[in-house]
Amino acid sequence: QAQVVESGGGLVQAGGSLRLSCAASGIDASRNTMAWFRQAPGNQREWVASITNRGGTTYASSVKGRFAVSRDNSHNTVYLQMNSLKPEDTAVYYCTGPSLAWGRGTQVTVSS
């Protein structure tokens, strides 16, 4: 069964950085568009960033210039490098791809 496992979240002060990881199994992340989403308490899940099979990246306007999505094909893992974090980035972050169920996500908390 194809699935992803997110990790790397934590508590960080505003202005800090975190790198999230998304380990995929049962799906070749290098052949698919993979995406990061996030959901803050009381809010709907929102798209954050995507990386295509060709390595093209796109970002939500709220994170553009601060976040970077990348992929390690040898480890079938997608990353989200998050810099200059803000309290409004606090959320559970999820990784997904085609026909994948949502994973458990990883909590990111940014203190002011």
PDB file of N, CA and C in Angstrom:
ATOM      1  N   GLN A   1       0.848  -1.194   0.000  1.00  0.00           N
ATOM      2  CA  GLN A   1       0.000   0.000   0.000  1.00  0.00           C
ATOM      3  C   GLN A   1       0.877   1.235   0.000  1.00  0.00           C
ATOM      4  N   ALA A   2       0.615   2.135  -0.941  1.00  0.00           N
ATOM      5  CA  ALA A   2       1.414   3.353  -1.019  1.00  0.00           C
ATOM      6  C   ALA A   2       1.106   4.251   0.167  1.00  0.00           C
ATOM      7  N   GLN A   3       2.145   4.837   0.722  1.00  0.00           N
ATOM      8  CA  GLN A   3       1.951   5.747   1.841  1.00  0.00           C
ATOM      9  C   GLN A   3       3.132   6.690   1.972  1.00  0.00           C
ATOM     10  N   VAL A   4       2.923   7.733   2.770  1.00  0.00           N
ATOM     11  CA  VAL A   4       3.997   8.666   3.088  1.00  0.00           C
ATOM     12  C   VAL A   4       4.051   8.830   4.596  1.00  0.00           C
ATOM     13  N   VAL A   5       5.238   9.116   5.095  1.00  0.00           N
ATOM     14  CA  VAL A   5       5.441   9.393   6.507  1.00  0.00           C
ATOM     15  C   VAL A   5       6.190  10.709   6.616  1.00  0.00           C
ATOM     16  N   GLU A   6       5.549  11.675   7.261  1.00  0.00           N
ATOM     17  CA  GLU A   6       6.155  12.986   7.438  1.00  0.00           C
ATOM     18  C   GLU A   6       6.907  13.047   8.763  1.00  0.00           C
ATOM     19  N   SER A   7       7.984  13.829   8.781  1.00  0.00           N
ATOM     20  CA  SER A   7       8.755  14.011  10.006  1.00  0.00           C
ATOM     21  C   SER A   7       9.509  15.333   9.934  1.00  0.00           C
ATOM     22  N   GLY A   8      10.098  15.713  11.045  1.00  0.00           N
ATOM     23  CA  GLY A   8      10.937  16.901  11.071  1.00  0.00           C
ATOM     24  C   GLY A   8      10.310  18.122  11.707  1.00  0.00           C
ATOM     25  N   GLY A   9       9.065  18.024  12.104  1.00  0.00           N
ATOM     26  CA  GLY A   9       8.426  19.161  12.733  1.00  0.00           C
ATOM     27  C   GLY A   9       8.968  19.402  14.134  1.00  0.00           C
ATOM     28  N   GLY A  10       8.536  20.498  14.731  1.00  0.00           N
ATOM     29  CA  GLY A  10       8.968  20.824  16.082  1.00  0.00           C
ATOM     30  C   GLY A  10       8.578  22.228  16.458  1.00  0.00           C
ATOM     31  N   LEU A  11       9.157  22.666  17.569  1.00  0.00           N
ATOM     32  CA  LEU A  11       8.919  24.014  18.085  1.00  0.00           C
ATOM     33  C   LEU A  11      10.120  24.877  17.745  1.00  0.00           C
ATOM     34  N   VAL A  12       9.870  26.019  17.144  1.00  0.00           N
ATOM     35  CA  VAL A  12      10.953  26.907  16.747  1.00  0.00           C
ATOM     36  C   VAL A  12      10.513  28.347  16.968  1.00  0.00           C
ATOM     37  N   GLN A  13      11.467  29.217  17.237  1.00  0.00           N
ATOM     38  CA  GLN A  13      11.147  30.635  17.403  1.00  0.00           C
ATOM     39  C   GLN A  13      10.952  31.293  16.042  1.00  0.00           C
ATOM     40  N   ALA A  14      10.208  32.356  16.051  1.00  0.00           N
ATOM     41  CA  ALA A  14      10.013  33.129  14.822  1.00  0.00           C
ATOM     42  C   ALA A  14      11.371  33.521  14.242  1.00  0.00           C
ATOM     43  N   GLY A  15      11.488  33.393  12.932  1.00  0.00           N
ATOM     44  CA  GLY A  15      12.747  33.663  12.261  1.00  0.00           C
ATOM     45  C   GLY A  15      13.629  32.442  12.094  1.00  0.00           C
ATOM     46  N   GLY A  16      13.245  31.352  12.735  1.00  0.00           N
ATOM     47  CA  GLY A  16      14.035  30.133  12.666  1.00  0.00           C
ATOM     48  C   GLY A  16      13.711  29.300  11.441  1.00  0.00           C
ATOM     49  N   SER A  17      14.341  28.117  11.396  1.00  0.00           N
ATOM     50  CA  SER A  17      14.199  27.231  10.238  1.00  0.00           C
ATOM     51  C   SER A  17      13.909  25.804  10.687  1.00  0.00           C
ATOM     52  N   LEU A  18      13.250  25.075   9.818  1.00  0.00           N
ATOM     53  CA  LEU A  18      13.029  23.651   9.983  1.00  0.00           C
ATOM     54  C   LEU A  18      13.067  23.004   8.606  1.00  0.00           C
ATOM     55  N   ARG A  19      13.441  21.728   8.590  1.00  0.00           N
ATOM     56  CA  ARG A  19      13.350  20.965   7.347  1.00  0.00           C
ATOM     57  C   ARG A  19      12.459  19.754   7.582  1.00  0.00           C
ATOM     58  N   LEU A  20      11.377  19.687   6.852  1.00  0.00           N
ATOM     59  CA  LEU A  20      10.459  18.566   6.943  1.00  0.00           C
ATOM     60  C   LEU A  20      10.837  17.508   5.906  1.00  0.00           C
ATOM     61  N   SER A  21      10.599  16.264   6.261  1.00  0.00           N
ATOM     62  CA  SER A  21      10.860  15.143   5.362  1.00  0.00           C
ATOM     63  C   SER A  21       9.572  14.375   5.100  1.00  0.00           C
ATOM     64  N   CYS A  22       9.484  13.826   3.918  1.00  0.00           N
ATOM     65  CA  CYS A  22       8.331  13.011   3.522  1.00  0.00           C
ATOM     66  C   CYS A  22       8.881  11.751   2.866  1.00  0.00           C
ATOM     67  N   ALA A  23       8.888  10.665   3.607  1.00  0.00           N
ATOM     68  CA  ALA A  23       9.389   9.397   3.099  1.00  0.00           C
ATOM     69  C   ALA A  23       8.244   8.638   2.438  1.00  0.00           C
ATOM     70  N   ALA A  24       8.399   8.363   1.154  1.00  0.00           N
ATOM     71  CA  ALA A  24       7.340   7.692   0.391  1.00  0.00           C
ATOM     72  C   ALA A  24       7.675   6.218   0.212  1.00  0.00           C
ATOM     73  N   SER A  25       6.648   5.393   0.250  1.00  0.00           N
ATOM     74  CA  SER A  25       6.800   3.966  -0.041  1.00  0.00           C
ATOM     75  C   SER A  25       5.607   3.526  -0.878  1.00  0.00           C
ATOM     76  N   GLY A  26       5.860   2.605  -1.791  1.00  0.00           N
ATOM     77  CA  GLY A  26       4.791   2.123  -2.651  1.00  0.00           C
ATOM     78  C   GLY A  26       4.446   3.072  -3.786  1.00  0.00           C
ATOM     79  N   ILE A  27       5.182   4.149  -3.891  1.00  0.00           N
ATOM     80  CA  ILE A  27       5.002   5.121  -4.970  1.00  0.00           C
ATOM     81  C   ILE A  27       6.371   5.698  -5.279  1.00  0.00           C
ATOM     82  N   ASP A  28       6.640   5.904  -6.560  1.00  0.00           N
ATOM     83  CA  ASP A  28       7.910   6.492  -6.972  1.00  0.00           C
ATOM     84  C   ASP A  28       7.735   8.012  -6.977  1.00  0.00           C
ATOM     85  N   ALA A  29       8.268   8.663  -5.956  1.00  0.00           N
ATOM     86  CA  ALA A  29       8.091  10.111  -5.816  1.00  0.00           C
ATOM     87  C   ALA A  29       8.740  10.861  -6.969  1.00  0.00           C
ATOM     88  N   SER A  30       9.740  10.255  -7.607  1.00  0.00           N
ATOM     89  CA  SER A  30      10.433  10.948  -8.691  1.00  0.00           C
ATOM     90  C   SER A  30       9.600  10.989  -9.971  1.00  0.00           C
ATOM     91  N   ARG A  31       8.593  10.144 -10.060  1.00  0.00           N
ATOM     92  CA  ARG A  31       7.763  10.065 -11.264  1.00  0.00           C
ATOM     93  C   ARG A  31       6.421  10.762 -11.098  1.00  0.00           C
ATOM     94  N   ASN A  32       6.214  11.384  -9.956  1.00  0.00           N
ATOM     95  CA  ASN A  32       4.929  12.004  -9.655  1.00  0.00           C
ATOM     96  C   ASN A  32       5.097  13.409  -9.102  1.00  0.00           C
ATOM     97  N   THR A  33       4.052  14.191  -9.242  1.00  0.00           N
ATOM     98  CA  THR A  33       4.024  15.476  -8.554  1.00  0.00           C
ATOM     99  C   THR A  33       3.681  15.232  -7.103  1.00  0.00           C
ATOM    100  N   MET A  34       4.553  15.687  -6.236  1.00  0.00           N
ATOM    101  CA  MET A  34       4.343  15.571  -4.800  1.00  0.00           C
ATOM    102  C   MET A  34       4.083  16.960  -4.229  1.00  0.00           C
ATOM    103  N   ALA A  35       3.256  17.015  -3.205  1.00  0.00           N
ATOM    104  CA  ALA A  35       2.865  18.316  -2.673  1.00  0.00           C
ATOM    105  C   ALA A  35       2.872  18.316  -1.151  1.00  0.00           C
ATOM    106  N   TRP A  36       3.070  19.505  -0.608  1.00  0.00           N
ATOM    107  CA  TRP A  36       2.938  19.738   0.830  1.00  0.00           C
ATOM    108  C   TRP A  36       1.694  20.580   1.065  1.00  0.00           C
ATOM    109  N   PHE A  37       0.957  20.197   2.102  1.00  0.00           N
ATOM    110  CA  PHE A  37      -0.200  20.946   2.564  1.00  0.00           C
ATOM    111  C   PHE A  37      -0.009  21.230   4.056  1.00  0.00           C
ATOM    112  N   ARG A  38      -0.814  22.127   4.579  1.00  0.00           N
ATOM    113  CA  ARG A  38      -0.801  22.353   6.019  1.00  0.00           C
ATOM    114  C   ARG A  38      -2.197  22.690   6.501  1.00  0.00           C
ATOM    115  N   GLN A  39      -2.417  22.419   7.779  1.00  0.00           N
ATOM    116  CA  GLN A  39      -3.711  22.717   8.389  1.00  0.00           C
ATOM    117  C   GLN A  39      -3.509  23.257   9.785  1.00  0.00           C
ATOM    118  N   ALA A  40      -3.916  24.501   9.965  1.00  0.00           N
ATOM    119  CA  ALA A  40      -3.856  25.131  11.277  1.00  0.00           C
ATOM    120  C   ALA A  40      -5.173  24.880  12.012  1.00  0.00           C
ATOM    121  N   PRO A  41      -5.155  24.921  13.333  1.00  0.00           N
ATOM    122  CA  PRO A  41      -6.388  24.677  14.102  1.00  0.00           C
ATOM    123  C   PRO A  41      -7.515  25.599  13.671  1.00  0.00           C
ATOM    124  N   GLY A  42      -8.678  25.016  13.389  1.00  0.00           N
ATOM    125  CA  GLY A  42      -9.830  25.801  12.996  1.00  0.00           C
ATOM    126  C   GLY A  42      -9.849  26.216  11.539  1.00  0.00           C
ATOM    127  N   ASN A  43      -8.794  25.851  10.803  1.00  0.00           N
ATOM    128  CA  ASN A  43      -8.701  26.241   9.388  1.00  0.00           C
ATOM    129  C   ASN A  43      -8.792  25.017   8.482  1.00  0.00           C
ATOM    130  N   GLN A  44      -9.116  25.270   7.227  1.00  0.00           N
ATOM    131  CA  GLN A  44      -9.098  24.194   6.245  1.00  0.00           C
ATOM    132  C   GLN A  44      -7.659  23.883   5.845  1.00  0.00           C
ATOM    133  N   ARG A  45      -7.459  22.670   5.373  1.00  0.00           N
ATOM    134  CA  ARG A  45      -6.143  22.290   4.875  1.00  0.00           C
ATOM    135  C   ARG A  45      -5.844  23.126   3.632  1.00  0.00           C
ATOM    136  N   GLU A  46      -4.632  23.654   3.558  1.00  0.00           N
ATOM    137  CA  GLU A  46      -4.269  24.496   2.427  1.00  0.00           C
ATOM    138  C   GLU A  46      -2.984  23.998   1.777  1.00  0.00           C
ATOM    139  N   TRP A  47      -2.912  24.198   0.498  1.00  0.00           N
ATOM    140  CA  TRP A  47      -1.734  23.807  -0.271  1.00  0.00           C
ATOM    141  C   TRP A  47      -0.591  24.773   0.030  1.00  0.00           C
ATOM    142  N   VAL A  48       0.620  24.204   0.124  1.00  0.00           N
ATOM    143  CA  VAL A  48       1.803  25.000   0.437  1.00  0.00           C
ATOM    144  C   VAL A  48       2.784  25.030  -0.732  1.00  0.00           C
ATOM    145  N   ALA A  49       3.104  23.848  -1.261  1.00  0.00           N
ATOM    146  CA  ALA A  49       4.130  23.784  -2.313  1.00  0.00           C
ATOM    147  C   ALA A  49       4.023  22.450  -3.037  1.00  0.00           C
ATOM    148  N   SER A  50       4.534  22.434  -4.276  1.00  0.00           N
ATOM    149  CA  SER A  50       4.545  21.212  -5.077  1.00  0.00           C
ATOM    150  C   SER A  50       5.858  21.092  -5.827  1.00  0.00           C
ATOM    151  N   ILE A  51       6.211  19.840  -6.133  1.00  0.00           N
ATOM    152  CA  ILE A  51       7.357  19.571  -6.993  1.00  0.00           C
ATOM    153  C   ILE A  51       6.920  18.535  -8.017  1.00  0.00           C
ATOM    154  N   THR A  52       7.148  18.841  -9.299  1.00  0.00           N
ATOM    155  CA  THR A  52       6.723  17.935 -10.362  1.00  0.00           C
ATOM    156  C   THR A  52       7.768  16.848 -10.596  1.00  0.00           C
ATOM    157  N   ASN A  53       7.415  15.902 -11.453  1.00  0.00           N
ATOM    158  CA  ASN A  53       8.350  14.826 -11.777  1.00  0.00           C
ATOM    159  C   ASN A  53       9.591  15.379 -12.479  1.00  0.00           C
ATOM    160  N   ARG A  54       9.467  16.540 -13.093  1.00  0.00           N
ATOM    161  CA  ARG A  54      10.612  17.148 -13.775  1.00  0.00           C
ATOM    162  C   ARG A  54      11.401  18.084 -12.854  1.00  0.00           C
ATOM    163  N   GLY A  55      10.943  18.208 -11.624  1.00  0.00           N
ATOM    164  CA  GLY A  55      11.656  19.052 -10.666  1.00  0.00           C
ATOM    165  C   GLY A  55      11.168  20.485 -10.602  1.00  0.00           C
ATOM    166  N   GLY A  56      10.128  20.796 -11.358  1.00  0.00           N
ATOM    167  CA  GLY A  56       9.576  22.128 -11.270  1.00  0.00           C
ATOM    168  C   GLY A  56       8.870  22.340  -9.950  1.00  0.00           C
ATOM    169  N   THR A  57       9.002  23.537  -9.392  1.00  0.00           N
ATOM    170  CA  THR A  57       8.412  23.821  -8.077  1.00  0.00           C
ATOM    171  C   THR A  57       7.468  25.010  -8.148  1.00  0.00           C
ATOM    172  N   THR A  58       6.420  24.960  -7.346  1.00  0.00           N
ATOM    173  CA  THR A  58       5.494  26.071  -7.205  1.00  0.00           C
ATOM    174  C   THR A  58       5.156  26.225  -5.731  1.00  0.00           C
ATOM    175  N   TYR A  59       4.810  27.456  -5.348  1.00  0.00           N
ATOM    176  CA  TYR A  59       4.590  27.777  -3.943  1.00  0.00           C
ATOM    177  C   TYR A  59       3.364  28.658  -3.762  1.00  0.00           C
ATOM    178  N   ALA A  60       2.728  28.498  -2.613  1.00  0.00           N
ATOM    179  CA  ALA A  60       1.684  29.427  -2.220  1.00  0.00           C
ATOM    180  C   ALA A  60       2.331  30.786  -1.974  1.00  0.00           C
ATOM    181  N   SER A  61       1.595  31.842  -2.226  1.00  0.00           N
ATOM    182  CA  SER A  61       2.156  33.181  -2.091  1.00  0.00           C
ATOM    183  C   SER A  61       2.610  33.461  -0.663  1.00  0.00           C
ATOM    184  N   SER A  62       1.963  32.810   0.297  1.00  0.00           N
ATOM    185  CA  SER A  62       2.285  33.065   1.703  1.00  0.00           C
ATOM    186  C   SER A  62       3.650  32.513   2.111  1.00  0.00           C
ATOM    187  N   VAL A  63       4.203  31.596   1.332  1.00  0.00           N
ATOM    188  CA  VAL A  63       5.477  30.992   1.692  1.00  0.00           C
ATOM    189  C   VAL A  63       6.554  31.215   0.647  1.00  0.00           C
ATOM    190  N   LYS A  64       6.198  31.761  -0.488  1.00  0.00           N
ATOM    191  CA  LYS A  64       7.161  31.956  -1.566  1.00  0.00           C
ATOM    192  C   LYS A  64       8.317  32.826  -1.104  1.00  0.00           C
ATOM    193  N   GLY A  65       9.521  32.368  -1.405  1.00  0.00           N
ATOM    194  CA  GLY A  65      10.714  33.093  -0.980  1.00  0.00           C
ATOM    195  C   GLY A  65      11.240  32.660   0.373  1.00  0.00           C
ATOM    196  N   ARG A  66      10.430  31.922   1.124  1.00  0.00           N
ATOM    197  CA  ARG A  66      10.854  31.445   2.451  1.00  0.00           C
ATOM    198  C   ARG A  66      10.968  29.925   2.493  1.00  0.00           C
ATOM    199  N   PHE A  67      10.139  29.228   1.759  1.00  0.00           N
ATOM    200  CA  PHE A  67      10.124  27.763   1.751  1.00  0.00           C
ATOM    201  C   PHE A  67      10.696  27.246   0.437  1.00  0.00           C
ATOM    202  N   ALA A  68      11.278  26.061   0.489  1.00  0.00           N
ATOM    203  CA  ALA A  68      11.811  25.418  -0.712  1.00  0.00           C
ATOM    204  C   ALA A  68      11.524  23.925  -0.657  1.00  0.00           C
ATOM    205  N   VAL A  69      10.925  23.409  -1.713  1.00  0.00           N
ATOM    206  CA  VAL A  69      10.622  21.977  -1.795  1.00  0.00           C
ATOM    207  C   VAL A  69      11.673  21.320  -2.688  1.00  0.00           C
ATOM    208  N   SER A  70      12.114  20.143  -2.273  1.00  0.00           N
ATOM    209  CA  SER A  70      13.125  19.412  -3.035  1.00  0.00           C
ATOM    210  C   SER A  70      12.869  17.919  -2.899  1.00  0.00           C
ATOM    211  N   ARG A  71      13.661  17.144  -3.635  1.00  0.00           N
ATOM    212  CA  ARG A  71      13.425  15.700  -3.648  1.00  0.00           C
ATOM    213  C   ARG A  71      14.763  14.971  -3.732  1.00  0.00           C
ATOM    214  N   ASP A  72      14.884  13.892  -2.994  1.00  0.00           N
ATOM    215  CA  ASP A  72      16.043  12.998  -3.063  1.00  0.00           C
ATOM    216  C   ASP A  72      15.557  11.692  -3.665  1.00  0.00           C
ATOM    217  N   ASN A  73      15.828  11.502  -4.948  1.00  0.00           N
ATOM    218  CA  ASN A  73      15.300  10.313  -5.636  1.00  0.00           C
ATOM    219  C   ASN A  73      15.900   9.027  -5.080  1.00  0.00           C
ATOM    220  N   SER A  74      17.135   9.078  -4.631  1.00  0.00           N
ATOM    221  CA  SER A  74      17.778   7.860  -4.137  1.00  0.00           C
ATOM    222  C   SER A  74      17.130   7.349  -2.857  1.00  0.00           C
ATOM    223  N   HIS A  75      16.505   8.259  -2.114  1.00  0.00           N
ATOM    224  CA  HIS A  75      15.833   7.871  -0.878  1.00  0.00           C
ATOM    225  C   HIS A  75      14.318   7.975  -0.986  1.00  0.00           C
ATOM    226  N   ASN A  76      13.826   8.282  -2.192  1.00  0.00           N
ATOM    227  CA  ASN A  76      12.380   8.403  -2.413  1.00  0.00           C
ATOM    228  C   ASN A  76      11.750   9.305  -1.355  1.00  0.00           C
ATOM    229  N   THR A  77      12.391  10.441  -1.133  1.00  0.00           N
ATOM    230  CA  THR A  77      11.985  11.355  -0.066  1.00  0.00           C
ATOM    231  C   THR A  77      11.849  12.769  -0.624  1.00  0.00           C
ATOM    232  N   VAL A  78      10.825  13.456  -0.168  1.00  0.00           N
ATOM    233  CA  VAL A  78      10.589  14.853  -0.524  1.00  0.00           C
ATOM    234  C   VAL A  78      10.811  15.696   0.724  1.00  0.00           C
ATOM    235  N   TYR A  79      11.406  16.861   0.535  1.00  0.00           N
ATOM    236  CA  TYR A  79      11.723  17.735   1.655  1.00  0.00           C
ATOM    237  C   TYR A  79      11.008  19.080   1.510  1.00  0.00           C
ATOM    238  N   LEU A  80      10.819  19.726   2.649  1.00  0.00           N
ATOM    239  CA  LEU A  80      10.338  21.105   2.656  1.00  0.00           C
ATOM    240  C   LEU A  80      11.232  21.886   3.607  1.00  0.00           C
ATOM    241  N   GLN A  81      12.100  22.697   3.043  1.00  0.00           N
ATOM    242  CA  GLN A  81      12.962  23.564   3.836  1.00  0.00           C
ATOM    243  C   GLN A  81      12.185  24.840   4.133  1.00  0.00           C
ATOM    244  N   MET A  82      12.040  25.141   5.405  1.00  0.00           N
ATOM    245  CA  MET A  82      11.260  26.302   5.820  1.00  0.00           C
ATOM    246  C   MET A  82      12.160  27.274   6.563  1.00  0.00           C
ATOM    247  N   ASN A  83      12.330  28.446   6.017  1.00  0.00           N
ATOM    248  CA  ASN A  83      13.161  29.486   6.607  1.00  0.00           C
ATOM    249  C   ASN A  83      12.307  30.693   6.992  1.00  0.00           C
ATOM    250  N   SER A  84      12.879  31.557   7.806  1.00  0.00           N
ATOM    251  CA  SER A  84      12.189  32.783   8.234  1.00  0.00           C
ATOM    252  C   SER A  84      10.767  32.476   8.701  1.00  0.00           C
ATOM    253  N   LEU A  85      10.655  31.478   9.536  1.00  0.00           N
ATOM    254  CA  LEU A  85       9.340  31.039   9.975  1.00  0.00           C
ATOM    255  C   LEU A  85       8.613  32.113  10.770  1.00  0.00           C
ATOM    256  N   LYS A  86       7.294  32.127  10.613  1.00  0.00           N
ATOM    257  CA  LYS A  86       6.435  33.089  11.274  1.00  0.00           C
ATOM    258  C   LYS A  86       5.413  32.336  12.138  1.00  0.00           C
ATOM    259  N   PRO A  87       4.871  32.970  13.161  1.00  0.00           N
ATOM    260  CA  PRO A  87       3.850  32.293  13.975  1.00  0.00           C
ATOM    261  C   PRO A  87       2.678  31.779  13.134  1.00  0.00           C
ATOM    262  N   GLU A  88       2.351  32.463  12.069  1.00  0.00           N
ATOM    263  CA  GLU A  88       1.232  32.027  11.216  1.00  0.00           C
ATOM    264  C   GLU A  88       1.560  30.793  10.386  1.00  0.00           C
ATOM    265  N   ASP A  89       2.802  30.337  10.432  1.00  0.00           N
ATOM    266  CA  ASP A  89       3.165  29.074   9.787  1.00  0.00           C
ATOM    267  C   ASP A  89       2.841  27.872  10.678  1.00  0.00           C
ATOM    268  N   THR A  90       2.437  28.127  11.903  1.00  0.00           N
ATOM    269  CA  THR A  90       2.087  27.048  12.821  1.00  0.00           C
ATOM    270  C   THR A  90       0.933  26.222  12.258  1.00  0.00           C
ATOM    271  N   ALA A  91       1.165  24.919  12.137  1.00  0.00           N
ATOM    272  CA  ALA A  91       0.169  24.023  11.539  1.00  0.00           C
ATOM    273  C   ALA A  91       0.708  22.598  11.565  1.00  0.00           C
ATOM    274  N   VAL A  92      -0.167  21.668  11.232  1.00  0.00           N
ATOM    275  CA  VAL A  92       0.275  20.305  10.932  1.00  0.00           C
ATOM    276  C   VAL A  92       0.543  20.262   9.434  1.00  0.00           C
ATOM    277  N   TYR A  93       1.729  19.786   9.071  1.00  0.00           N
ATOM    278  CA  TYR A  93       2.141  19.742   7.678  1.00  0.00           C
ATOM    279  C   TYR A  93       2.027  18.315   7.149  1.00  0.00           C
ATOM    280  N   TYR A  94       1.453  18.214   5.959  1.00  0.00           N
ATOM    281  CA  TYR A  94       1.207  16.921   5.328  1.00  0.00           C
ATOM    282  C   TYR A  94       1.852  16.893   3.945  1.00  0.00           C
ATOM    283  N   CYS A  95       2.281  15.705   3.579  1.00  0.00           N
ATOM    284  CA  CYS A  95       2.824  15.458   2.243  1.00  0.00           C
ATOM    285  C   CYS A  95       1.860  14.524   1.530  1.00  0.00           C
ATOM    286  N   THR A  96       1.722  14.692   0.224  1.00  0.00           N
ATOM    287  CA  THR A  96       0.837  13.803  -0.507  1.00  0.00           C
ATOM    288  C   THR A  96       1.251  13.712  -1.961  1.00  0.00           C
ATOM    289  N   GLY A  97       0.704  12.710  -2.636  1.00  0.00           N
ATOM    290  CA  GLY A  97       0.917  12.496  -4.057  1.00  0.00           C
ATOM    291  C   GLY A  97      -0.303  11.823  -4.636  1.00  0.00           C
ATOM    292  N   PRO A  98      -0.244  11.466  -5.905  1.00  0.00           N
ATOM    293  CA  PRO A  98      -1.405  10.874  -6.568  1.00  0.00           C
ATOM    294  C   PRO A  98      -1.895   9.597  -5.879  1.00  0.00           C
ATOM    295  N   SER A  99      -3.174   9.552  -5.612  1.00  0.00           N
ATOM    296  CA  SER A  99      -3.840   8.370  -5.044  1.00  0.00           C
ATOM    297  C   SER A  99      -3.323   7.997  -3.660  1.00  0.00           C
ATOM    298  N   LEU A 100      -2.704   8.920  -2.971  1.00  0.00           N
ATOM    299  CA  LEU A 100      -2.195   8.638  -1.629  1.00  0.00           C
ATOM    300  C   LEU A 100      -3.172   9.095  -0.561  1.00  0.00           C
ATOM    301  N   ALA A 101      -3.340   8.272   0.448  1.00  0.00           N
ATOM    302  CA  ALA A 101      -4.109   8.708   1.606  1.00  0.00           C
ATOM    303  C   ALA A 101      -3.270   9.694   2.412  1.00  0.00           C
ATOM    304  N   TRP A 102      -3.936  10.553   3.149  1.00  0.00           N
ATOM    305  CA  TRP A 102      -3.211  11.498   3.989  1.00  0.00           C
ATOM    306  C   TRP A 102      -2.464  10.739   5.082  1.00  0.00           C
ATOM    307  N   GLY A 103      -1.232  11.189   5.344  1.00  0.00           N
ATOM    308  CA  GLY A 103      -0.482  10.627   6.456  1.00  0.00           C
ATOM    309  C   GLY A 103      -0.867  11.306   7.748  1.00  0.00           C
ATOM    310  N   ARG A 104      -0.088  11.066   8.786  1.00  0.00           N
ATOM    311  CA  ARG A 104      -0.370  11.673  10.089  1.00  0.00           C
ATOM    312  C   ARG A 104       0.081  13.125  10.154  1.00  0.00           C
ATOM    313  N   GLY A 105       0.977  13.488   9.286  1.00  0.00           N
ATOM    314  CA  GLY A 105       1.483  14.847   9.305  1.00  0.00           C
ATOM    315  C   GLY A 105       2.535  15.041  10.372  1.00  0.00           C
ATOM    316  N   THR A 106       3.119  16.230  10.389  1.00  0.00           N
ATOM    317  CA  THR A 106       4.102  16.589  11.403  1.00  0.00           C
ATOM    318  C   THR A 106       3.808  18.002  11.885  1.00  0.00           C
ATOM    319  N   GLN A 107       3.806  18.174  13.193  1.00  0.00           N
ATOM    320  CA  GLN A 107       3.416  19.451  13.792  1.00  0.00           C
ATOM    321  C   GLN A 107       4.565  20.446  13.750  1.00  0.00           C
ATOM    322  N   VAL A 108       4.274  21.625  13.271  1.00  0.00           N
ATOM    323  CA  VAL A 108       5.218  22.744  13.289  1.00  0.00           C
ATOM    324  C   VAL A 108       4.600  23.850  14.135  1.00  0.00           C
ATOM    325  N   THR A 109       5.331  24.272  15.147  1.00  0.00           N
ATOM    326  CA  THR A 109       4.863  25.342  16.008  1.00  0.00           C
ATOM    327  C   THR A 109       5.922  26.435  16.033  1.00  0.00           C
ATOM    328  N   VAL A 110       5.518  27.655  15.690  1.00  0.00           N
ATOM    329  CA  VAL A 110       6.429  28.787  15.643  1.00  0.00           C
ATOM    330  C   VAL A 110       6.005  29.775  16.728  1.00  0.00           C
ATOM    331  N   SER A 111       6.891  30.005  17.665  1.00  0.00           N
ATOM    332  CA  SER A 111       6.584  30.918  18.766  1.00  0.00           C
ATOM    333  C   SER A 111       7.053  32.327  18.421  1.00  0.00           C
ATOM    334  N   SER A 112       6.323  33.294  18.937  1.00  0.00           N
ATOM    335  CA  SER A 112       6.670  34.695  18.654  1.00  0.00           C
ATOM    336  C   SER A 112       7.636  35.242  19.670  1.00  0.00           C
TER     337      SER A 112
END
